[in-house]
Protein backbone atom coordinates (compact mmCIF):
# COMPACT_ATOMS: atom_id res chain seq x y z
CA MET A 1 107.36 103.95 74.99
CA ILE A 2 108.20 107.79 74.38
CA GLN A 3 106.82 107.33 70.51
CA SER A 4 104.11 105.23 71.96
CA LEU A 5 102.99 108.26 74.16
CA LYS A 6 103.10 110.99 71.13
CA ASN A 7 101.13 108.89 68.67
CA TYR A 8 98.49 108.31 71.73
CA THR A 9 98.44 112.31 72.62
CA LYS A 10 97.90 112.90 68.49
CA GLU A 11 95.10 110.20 68.36
CA LYS A 12 93.45 111.65 71.08
CA VAL A 13 93.48 115.26 70.36
CA LEU A 14 92.09 114.16 66.88
CA SER A 15 89.40 112.24 68.16
CA TYR A 16 88.39 115.18 70.08
CA LEU A 17 88.68 117.74 67.44
CA LEU A 18 86.66 115.03 64.77
CA SER A 19 84.26 114.83 67.87
CA MET A 20 83.45 118.84 68.00
CA ALA A 21 83.59 119.21 64.31
CA THR A 22 79.80 119.11 63.85
CA SER A 23 79.81 122.52 65.60
CA SER A 24 81.05 126.04 64.14
CA SER A 25 80.40 128.08 66.88
CA ASP A 26 83.19 130.32 68.16
CA GLU A 27 83.29 128.57 71.37
CA SER A 28 84.05 125.42 69.60
CA LEU A 29 86.86 127.18 67.40
CA ILE A 30 88.48 128.50 69.98
CA LYS A 31 88.36 125.01 72.12
CA MET A 32 89.81 123.06 68.74
CA THR A 33 92.77 126.01 68.75
CA HIS A 34 93.53 125.19 72.30
CA LEU A 35 94.01 121.33 71.37
CA MET A 36 95.85 122.09 68.34
CA GLU A 37 98.14 124.02 70.26
CA MET A 38 99.30 120.86 71.89
CA ILE A 39 100.55 119.15 69.24
CA PRO A 40 103.55 121.46 67.50
CA LYS A 41 106.63 121.77 69.03
CA LYS A 42 108.05 125.05 67.12
CA ASP A 43 107.01 128.19 68.97
CA TYR A 44 106.36 129.59 65.26
CA TYR A 45 103.30 127.22 65.06
CA LYS A 46 102.01 127.68 68.42
CA GLN A 47 101.75 131.52 68.24
CA ARG A 48 100.07 131.06 64.69
CA ILE A 49 97.36 129.15 66.46
CA ARG A 50 96.92 131.75 68.88
CA TRP A 51 96.98 134.44 66.19
CA ILE A 52 94.03 132.46 64.77
CA ARG A 53 92.64 132.18 68.33
CA GLY A 54 92.41 135.96 68.45
CA LEU A 55 90.91 136.49 64.94
CA ILE A 56 87.79 134.05 66.06
CA ARG A 57 87.43 136.48 69.17
CA ASP A 58 87.34 139.41 66.91
CA LYS A 59 85.01 137.86 64.89
CA HIS A 60 87.26 138.55 61.71
CA PRO A 61 85.70 137.44 58.17
CA SER A 62 88.76 135.03 57.52
CA ILE A 63 87.18 132.99 60.06
CA GLU A 64 84.40 132.05 58.01
CA PHE A 65 86.69 129.64 56.22
CA PRO A 66 86.94 126.89 58.74
CA ARG A 67 83.55 127.65 59.75
CA ARG A 68 82.49 126.89 56.44
CA ILE A 69 84.62 123.74 56.61
CA LEU A 70 82.85 122.67 59.59
CA ARG A 71 79.36 123.79 58.81
CA ASP A 72 79.13 122.83 55.39
CA LEU A 73 81.22 120.35 54.19
CA HIS A 74 80.18 116.39 53.57
CA PRO A 75 81.55 114.65 57.01
CA ASN A 76 83.92 112.55 54.97
CA GLN A 77 85.78 115.40 53.41
CA ARG A 78 85.84 117.44 56.52
CA ASP A 79 87.24 114.83 58.87
CA LYS A 80 90.12 114.01 55.88
CA TRP A 81 90.77 117.87 56.26
CA ILE A 82 91.22 118.17 59.54
CA SER A 83 93.06 114.74 60.24
CA ASN A 84 95.35 115.10 57.12
CA LEU A 85 95.87 118.94 56.50
CA ALA A 86 95.67 120.29 60.20
CA ILE A 87 96.96 117.47 62.31
CA ASN A 88 99.14 115.22 60.04
CA HIS A 89 100.63 118.26 57.69
CA LEU A 90 100.54 121.48 59.60
CA LEU A 91 100.85 120.35 63.31
CA SER A 92 102.49 117.00 63.55
CA GLY A 93 103.98 117.43 60.35
CA THR A 94 105.83 120.42 61.37
CA ASN A 95 107.60 118.23 63.99
CA LYS A 96 108.54 115.34 61.59
CA ARG A 97 109.96 118.23 59.05
CA LYS A 98 112.21 119.64 62.02
CA GLU A 99 113.51 115.93 62.93
CA TRP A 100 114.35 115.34 59.15
CA ALA A 101 115.78 119.00 58.99
CA ASP A 102 118.07 118.24 62.04
CA ALA A 103 119.00 114.81 60.63
CA ASN A 104 119.92 116.10 57.01
CA GLY A 105 121.26 119.45 57.56
CA PHE A 106 118.35 121.65 56.06
CA TYR A 107 114.62 122.27 56.33
CA PRO A 108 112.55 120.35 54.03
CA PRO A 109 109.49 121.99 51.88
CA SER A 110 106.08 122.51 53.01
CA THR A 111 104.65 121.06 50.03
CA VAL A 112 105.48 119.62 46.51
CA VAL A 113 103.74 120.34 43.07
CA ILE A 114 103.62 117.48 41.06
CA SER A 115 102.32 117.44 37.12
CA PRO A 116 101.51 113.49 36.69
CA THR A 117 100.10 114.07 33.33
CA MET A 118 100.64 116.44 30.36
CA ARG A 119 97.32 115.05 28.68
CA CYS A 120 94.94 117.92 28.26
CA ASN A 121 92.01 118.62 25.87
CA LEU A 122 92.74 122.41 25.81
CA SER A 123 95.09 124.64 24.27
CA CYS A 124 94.93 127.62 26.12
CA TYR A 125 96.68 130.72 24.62
CA GLY A 126 100.11 131.60 27.30
CA CYS A 127 99.34 128.14 29.29
CA TYR A 128 102.71 127.98 31.36
CA ALA A 129 102.75 124.22 30.46
CA GLY A 130 101.80 124.54 27.21
CA ASP A 131 105.12 123.67 25.49
CA TYR A 132 105.81 120.21 26.98
CA LYS A 133 105.08 117.45 25.33
CA LYS A 134 101.47 116.13 25.28
CA ASN A 135 102.46 112.41 26.11
CA LEU A 136 104.45 112.78 29.02
CA GLU A 137 103.35 111.28 32.16
CA LEU A 138 104.56 109.83 35.26
CA SER A 139 103.86 105.91 36.14
CA LEU A 140 101.43 105.11 39.11
CA ASP A 141 104.64 103.95 40.71
CA GLU A 142 106.52 106.49 40.18
CA LEU A 143 103.97 109.16 41.82
CA ASP A 144 103.49 106.60 44.71
CA SER A 145 107.18 106.79 45.54
CA ILE A 146 107.34 110.74 45.22
CA LEU A 147 104.44 110.97 47.95
CA LEU A 148 106.38 108.22 50.07
CA GLN A 149 109.39 110.51 49.95
CA MET A 150 107.45 113.29 50.91
CA LYS A 151 106.03 111.71 54.16
CA GLU A 152 109.40 110.73 55.08
CA MET A 153 110.57 114.15 55.34
CA GLY A 154 106.99 115.41 56.96
CA ILE A 155 105.09 116.63 53.85
CA TYR A 156 101.56 115.37 54.00
CA PHE A 157 100.00 118.20 51.64
CA ALA A 158 100.57 117.72 48.02
CA VAL A 159 99.20 119.78 44.89
CA ILE A 160 98.48 118.00 41.70
CA SER A 161 98.69 120.32 38.16
CA GLY A 162 99.29 119.33 34.78
CA GLY A 163 98.09 118.85 32.16
CA GLU A 164 94.73 117.91 33.49
CA PRO A 165 95.16 115.45 36.43
CA PHE A 166 91.85 114.16 36.29
CA TYR A 167 92.67 112.26 32.58
CA MET A 168 95.40 110.30 34.66
CA ASP A 169 94.20 106.72 34.98
CA GLY A 170 94.70 105.39 38.53
CA ILE A 171 95.00 108.92 39.99
CA PHE A 172 92.06 108.00 42.35
CA GLU A 173 93.89 104.69 43.73
CA ILE A 174 96.87 107.05 44.56
CA PHE A 175 94.44 109.27 46.66
CA LYS A 176 93.20 106.29 48.16
CA LYS A 177 96.34 104.92 49.00
CA HIS A 178 97.66 107.82 50.63
CA SER A 179 94.21 108.43 52.55
CA ASP A 180 96.88 110.22 55.43
CA MET A 181 97.73 112.93 52.94
CA ALA A 182 95.64 116.27 51.65
CA PHE A 183 95.70 116.71 47.59
CA LEU A 184 95.08 120.31 46.10
CA VAL A 185 94.40 119.54 42.39
CA PHE A 186 93.98 122.31 39.89
CA THR A 187 91.82 121.58 37.25
CA HIS A 188 90.25 123.15 34.21
CA GLY A 189 87.02 121.58 35.57
CA GLY A 190 85.43 119.89 32.45
CA LEU A 191 85.82 116.62 33.30
CA ILE A 192 83.81 116.92 36.68
CA ASP A 193 80.37 115.05 36.55
CA GLU A 194 78.18 113.28 39.19
CA ALA A 195 80.45 110.05 38.84
CA MET A 196 83.46 111.95 39.50
CA VAL A 197 81.85 113.91 42.75
CA GLU A 198 80.97 110.29 44.02
CA LYS A 199 84.64 109.33 43.74
CA LEU A 200 85.76 112.57 45.42
CA ILE A 201 83.13 112.26 48.25
CA GLU A 202 84.52 108.70 48.77
CA VAL A 203 88.15 109.61 49.13
CA GLY A 204 87.70 112.70 50.76
CA ASN A 205 91.05 114.13 50.82
CA VAL A 206 91.11 115.69 47.48
CA MET A 207 89.78 119.63 46.88
CA PRO A 208 89.52 120.92 43.13
CA SER A 209 90.85 123.84 42.14
CA PHE A 210 89.01 125.61 39.04
CA SER A 211 91.00 127.67 36.63
CA LEU A 212 89.10 130.83 35.43
CA GLU A 213 90.06 134.20 33.61
CA GLY A 214 86.87 135.72 34.81
CA TYR A 215 83.32 135.70 33.50
CA GLU A 216 82.15 133.42 30.51
CA GLN A 217 83.80 136.09 28.02
CA GLU A 218 87.20 135.91 29.16
CA THR A 219 87.22 132.36 30.31
CA ASP A 220 85.41 131.06 26.81
CA GLU A 221 88.03 133.33 24.77
CA ARG A 222 91.18 131.40 26.62
CA ARG A 223 89.58 127.95 26.92
CA GLY A 224 87.19 127.39 24.59
CA SER A 225 83.36 128.23 23.97
CA GLY A 226 81.24 126.65 26.27
CA HIS A 227 84.01 126.24 28.90
CA PHE A 228 82.71 128.87 31.55
CA ALA A 229 79.29 127.00 31.63
CA LYS A 230 81.05 123.69 32.49
CA VAL A 231 83.03 124.88 35.54
CA MET A 232 79.98 126.60 36.53
CA ARG A 233 78.05 123.44 36.48
CA ALA A 234 81.05 121.50 38.26
CA MET A 235 80.91 123.73 41.00
CA ASP A 236 76.92 123.57 41.66
CA LEU A 237 77.66 119.41 41.58
CA LEU A 238 80.34 119.93 44.28
CA ARG A 239 78.55 122.64 46.13
CA GLU A 240 75.57 120.52 46.42
CA SER A 241 77.22 117.41 47.61
CA GLY A 242 79.30 119.39 50.54
CA LEU A 243 82.50 119.12 48.73
CA SER A 244 85.03 121.89 49.10
CA PHE A 245 86.68 123.84 46.02
CA CYS A 246 88.82 126.60 45.29
CA GLY A 247 89.17 129.15 42.03
CA SER A 248 92.40 129.78 40.48
CA PHE A 249 92.84 133.12 38.67
CA THR A 250 95.51 133.74 35.90
CA HIS A 251 95.89 137.81 36.63
CA SER A 252 96.78 139.28 33.12
CA ARG A 253 96.92 142.89 31.48
CA LYS A 254 93.45 141.86 29.85
CA ASN A 255 91.32 140.64 32.89
CA SER A 256 92.98 142.66 35.74
CA HIS A 257 89.80 144.82 36.36
CA ILE A 258 87.85 141.80 37.03
CA ILE A 259 89.84 139.92 39.56
CA THR A 260 90.11 143.65 41.48
CA ASN A 261 86.61 144.22 41.62
CA GLY A 262 84.77 142.66 44.52
CA GLU A 263 81.75 141.72 42.74
CA TYR A 264 83.50 139.05 40.86
CA ILE A 265 84.62 137.85 44.45
CA ASP A 266 80.72 137.73 45.46
CA MET A 267 79.90 135.73 42.42
CA LEU A 268 82.74 133.14 43.69
CA LEU A 269 81.47 133.35 46.76
CA SER A 270 77.61 132.61 45.76
CA LYS A 271 78.99 129.39 43.88
CA GLY A 272 80.67 128.29 46.86
CA VAL A 273 84.17 128.58 46.32
CA PHE A 274 86.62 128.46 49.50
CA ALA A 275 89.52 129.87 48.57
CA LEU A 276 91.02 131.80 45.63
CA TRP A 277 94.53 131.27 44.14
CA LEU A 278 96.04 134.34 42.28
CA PHE A 279 99.04 133.66 39.82
CA SER A 280 100.35 136.59 37.55
CA TYR A 281 100.92 135.93 33.79
CA VAL A 282 104.54 135.09 33.40
CA PRO A 283 105.86 134.71 29.54
CA VAL A 284 106.96 130.92 29.69
CA GLY A 285 105.54 127.85 27.89
CA ARG A 286 103.03 128.37 24.82
CA LYS A 287 103.92 131.10 22.68
CA PRO A 288 105.20 133.73 25.66
CA GLU A 289 103.77 136.99 25.29
CA PRO A 290 105.15 139.75 27.77
CA GLU A 291 102.58 142.18 27.03
CA LEU A 292 99.92 139.87 28.74
CA MET A 293 101.68 140.46 31.75
CA PRO A 294 99.68 142.63 34.36
CA THR A 295 101.42 146.08 34.24
CA PRO A 296 103.53 146.95 37.13
CA GLU A 297 100.57 149.31 38.11
CA GLN A 298 97.74 146.77 37.89
CA ARG A 299 100.23 144.22 40.05
CA ASP A 300 100.13 146.54 42.72
CA HIS A 301 96.44 147.37 42.18
CA LEU A 302 95.80 143.55 42.78
CA ARG A 303 97.96 143.46 46.26
CA GLN A 304 95.82 146.63 47.47
CA SER A 305 92.51 144.72 46.54
CA VAL A 306 93.17 141.51 48.18
CA VAL A 307 94.28 143.26 51.68
CA GLY A 308 90.76 145.23 51.24
CA PHE A 309 89.12 141.19 49.90
CA ARG A 310 90.86 139.95 53.18
CA ALA A 311 89.39 142.47 55.53
CA GLU A 312 85.93 141.96 54.18
CA LYS A 313 85.33 138.49 52.47
CA PRO A 314 84.90 135.15 54.09
CA MET A 315 87.29 133.48 51.66
CA LEU A 316 90.69 132.66 51.71
CA PHE A 317 93.14 134.33 49.50
CA ILE A 318 96.82 133.01 47.84
CA ASP A 319 98.31 135.84 46.01
CA PHE A 320 101.29 133.92 44.77
CA TRP A 321 103.63 137.05 44.09
CA ASN A 322 102.25 139.66 46.28
CA ASP A 323 102.33 137.48 49.42
CA GLY A 324 106.05 137.65 49.40
CA PRO A 325 106.32 139.40 52.70
CA MET A 326 103.76 137.08 54.52
CA VAL A 327 106.33 134.08 53.52
CA SER A 328 109.42 135.57 53.73
CA GLY A 329 110.11 135.87 49.87
CA CYS A 330 109.98 133.66 46.99
CA LEU A 331 109.08 129.53 48.10
CA ALA A 332 111.13 127.94 44.90
CA GLY A 333 113.93 125.74 45.21
CA GLY A 334 112.76 123.93 47.87
CA ARG A 335 112.76 126.29 50.42
CA LYS A 336 109.14 126.06 50.61
CA TYR A 337 108.00 123.84 47.42
CA PHE A 338 109.50 122.99 43.98
CA HIS A 339 107.78 121.29 40.88
CA ILE A 340 108.23 117.66 39.39
CA ASN A 341 107.32 117.65 35.96
CA ALA A 342 105.44 115.00 33.66
CA ASN A 343 109.00 113.76 32.78
CA GLY A 344 110.07 113.64 36.36
CA ASP A 345 112.32 116.91 35.93
CA ILE A 346 112.64 118.45 39.62
CA GLU A 347 112.15 122.20 38.79
CA PRO A 348 112.66 124.98 41.03
CA CYS A 349 109.10 126.32 40.48
CA VAL A 350 105.95 125.49 38.01
CA PHE A 351 107.16 128.60 36.19
CA CYS A 352 110.87 127.94 36.07
CA HIS A 353 111.43 125.47 33.76
CA MET A 354 115.02 124.21 33.90
CA ALA A 355 116.37 121.43 35.95
CA VAL A 356 119.57 119.53 36.82
CA ASP A 357 117.84 116.35 38.76
CA ASN A 358 115.02 113.79 37.58
CA ILE A 359 113.41 111.39 39.94
CA ARG A 360 114.33 108.87 37.71
CA ARG A 361 118.08 108.92 38.44
CA THR A 362 117.82 111.00 41.89
CA THR A 363 115.94 110.87 45.51
CA LEU A 364 114.33 114.16 46.30
CA ARG A 365 116.43 114.49 49.37
CA GLU A 366 119.42 114.64 46.73
CA ALA A 367 117.48 117.06 44.51
CA LEU A 368 117.05 119.40 47.51
CA ALA A 369 120.68 119.43 48.40
CA SER A 370 121.87 119.67 45.22
CA PRO A 371 124.38 122.93 44.43
CA PHE A 372 121.48 123.91 42.29
CA PHE A 373 118.82 124.48 44.73
CA ARG A 374 121.03 125.37 47.24
CA LYS A 375 122.20 128.47 45.13
CA ILE A 376 118.68 129.31 44.63
CA ARG A 377 117.92 129.40 48.41
CA GLN A 378 121.30 131.45 48.97
CA GLU A 379 120.17 134.19 46.40
CA GLN A 380 116.39 134.24 48.06
CA GLY A 381 118.27 135.54 50.99
CA ASP A 382 119.84 138.21 49.33
CA HIS A 383 116.75 140.16 48.28
CA ASP A 384 115.92 143.04 50.62
CA ASN A 385 112.64 143.43 49.23
CA LEU A 386 109.91 140.83 49.48
CA LEU A 387 107.47 142.67 47.43
CA ARG A 388 109.79 141.58 44.52
CA PRO A 389 110.78 137.92 45.43
CA CYS A 390 110.74 136.25 41.77
CA MET A 391 114.11 135.27 39.88
CA LEU A 392 112.01 135.25 36.60
CA ILE A 393 110.25 139.03 36.77
CA ASP A 394 111.51 140.82 39.86
CA HIS A 395 115.45 139.99 39.52
CA PRO A 396 116.01 138.12 36.30
CA GLU A 397 119.38 138.77 36.03
CA VAL A 398 119.60 136.00 38.80
CA GLY A 399 117.48 133.52 36.98
CA ARG A 400 119.90 133.84 33.90
CA GLU A 401 122.87 133.47 36.44
CA ILE A 402 121.35 130.05 38.25
CA PHE A 403 120.26 128.88 34.57
CA ALA A 404 123.80 129.36 33.12
CA SER A 405 125.38 127.62 36.22
CA GLU A 406 125.31 124.13 37.92
CA GLY A 407 124.65 122.14 35.05
CA ALA A 408 120.86 123.12 34.35
CA TYR A 409 119.16 122.37 31.22
CA PRO A 410 115.90 123.60 29.89
CA THR A 411 113.06 121.00 30.58
CA HIS A 412 111.14 121.69 27.29
CA ASP A 413 111.95 123.32 24.02
CA GLY A 414 112.11 127.03 24.49
CA ALA A 415 111.99 126.94 27.92
CA GLU A 416 115.07 128.89 27.90
CA GLU A 417 113.47 131.77 26.26
CA ILE A 418 112.60 133.94 29.19
CA PHE A 419 116.31 134.38 30.04
CA THR A 420 117.72 134.75 26.36
CA VAL A 421 115.23 136.18 23.98
CA LEU A 422 112.92 138.23 26.41
CA ALA A 423 115.96 138.81 28.44
CA GLY A 424 115.65 142.45 27.74
CA GLU A 425 111.64 143.00 28.40
CA MET A 426 112.09 141.26 31.56
CA ASP A 427 114.54 143.73 32.66
CA THR A 428 112.76 146.42 31.72
CA TYR A 429 109.47 145.27 33.49
CA SER A 430 111.60 144.60 36.93
CA ARG A 431 112.93 148.13 36.57
CA ALA A 432 109.51 149.55 36.42
CA TYR A 433 107.90 147.49 39.22
CA GLY A 434 110.82 147.81 41.42
CA LYS A 435 110.13 152.00 41.66
CA ILE A 436 106.88 150.95 42.63
CA ALA A 437 107.63 148.03 44.78
CA ASP A 438 110.34 149.60 46.84
CA ALA A 439 108.41 152.81 47.67
CA VAL A 440 105.83 150.68 49.13
CA TRP A 441 108.47 148.67 50.61
CA GLU A 442 109.49 151.81 52.62
CA THR A 443 105.92 152.96 53.56
CA GLU A 444 103.60 150.24 54.07
CA PHE A 445 106.14 147.58 55.37
CA ALA A 446 108.36 149.81 57.23
CA ASP A 447 107.56 147.62 60.58
CA HIS A 448 108.31 144.43 58.81
CA PRO A 449 110.28 141.77 60.83
CA LYS A 450 112.73 141.69 57.96
CA LYS A 451 113.70 145.23 58.64
CA MET A 452 113.86 144.88 62.24
CA LYS A 453 116.09 141.68 62.39
CA GLY A 454 118.44 142.82 59.31
CA ASN A 455 118.61 140.52 56.03
CA THR A 456 119.28 137.20 57.83
CA GLY A 457 117.97 135.59 54.70
CA PRO A 458 114.61 133.20 54.26
CA GLN A 459 113.43 131.25 56.92
């Protein structure tokens, strides 16, 4: 009876939200936050919803992101993002994750990144996944099993990477079968045409994220002649059909001046980009080149630029490394996410190519509970400066220690080089960036909750 009441409440809230979704006014958005606040049990999520309500009242530019979802999206995708991401994953999902944690003794991650195939027609220099064998691919049954295990934990948001995910036969059947989930798909964009747009409209629960290096010159230099034009055309097709999509940018020493320029962000906005994922080049994968890494000064300049963009641009920004203070440090090892590659290896992070478990011989729960992942999560709690969260580039000595322990193996030929051949260069980089980051942490983050509460480990 109690469970029936819970489901009824969730369904009623969802029904009200969808009925209000045709309006993007401040009044409607505020009413929607009050409805959404009824679902989660954890005070943290209730507080975040109240914080969002405050942003709406203050007319903060970031509120243009949910407003665009309500105003601009095709109804099928709009309703799927409200039901699958907002309700199933973020609100009722957090209750399910808490129940799972009470039963299992540790909290599950917020998402899982899955690379179902390594097939790809590009050969981008510096590709983090470039050294996996091209013929690696999960079966549809294996992918289905992963998603079912995720939902048992309360995880209804999956990130699909690769390879090029849209090369996988049957991938849209998976999206249809798991119609209660939200999928973010990192794609090079070259396969998106009118026929695929129709498939995306039909399923509604998939948001592509296009990989770019800058403008035409920078993108084509890395991805091949004419590729930038293909991505721009794909963006046009999606925007004209009312579908949302993201951009993904690999920040390097060569293109730092582009991503930190507001004119580039404005160009992406004009194309219809809803959100921008920012990753720094890490020397893993195809022909690792430490000299491609953004300098410590460029990395901090990107952090400062994103702060400014968030205050001015109607786009959501996710800065994978510099957002450490916002998410309490490193996400890897199952604290907030982990990666399953196309061979089934369960890796701590998409950039950390080592594992002790594989989906073909263990469950996700067993992998999360392994000494390997537990040690990673323990080490994360020992980092005082959340601007330096990463065990590859900020604390490389930790990465080397973990790689040498707990039975870890490299998941492709050469994966160990960041811990061996490049160890000296990683140490030099971490020290140089540490001088900048430590000074910033002491000044700009003097009132961060971690300092107020002491070092209690990542939450």
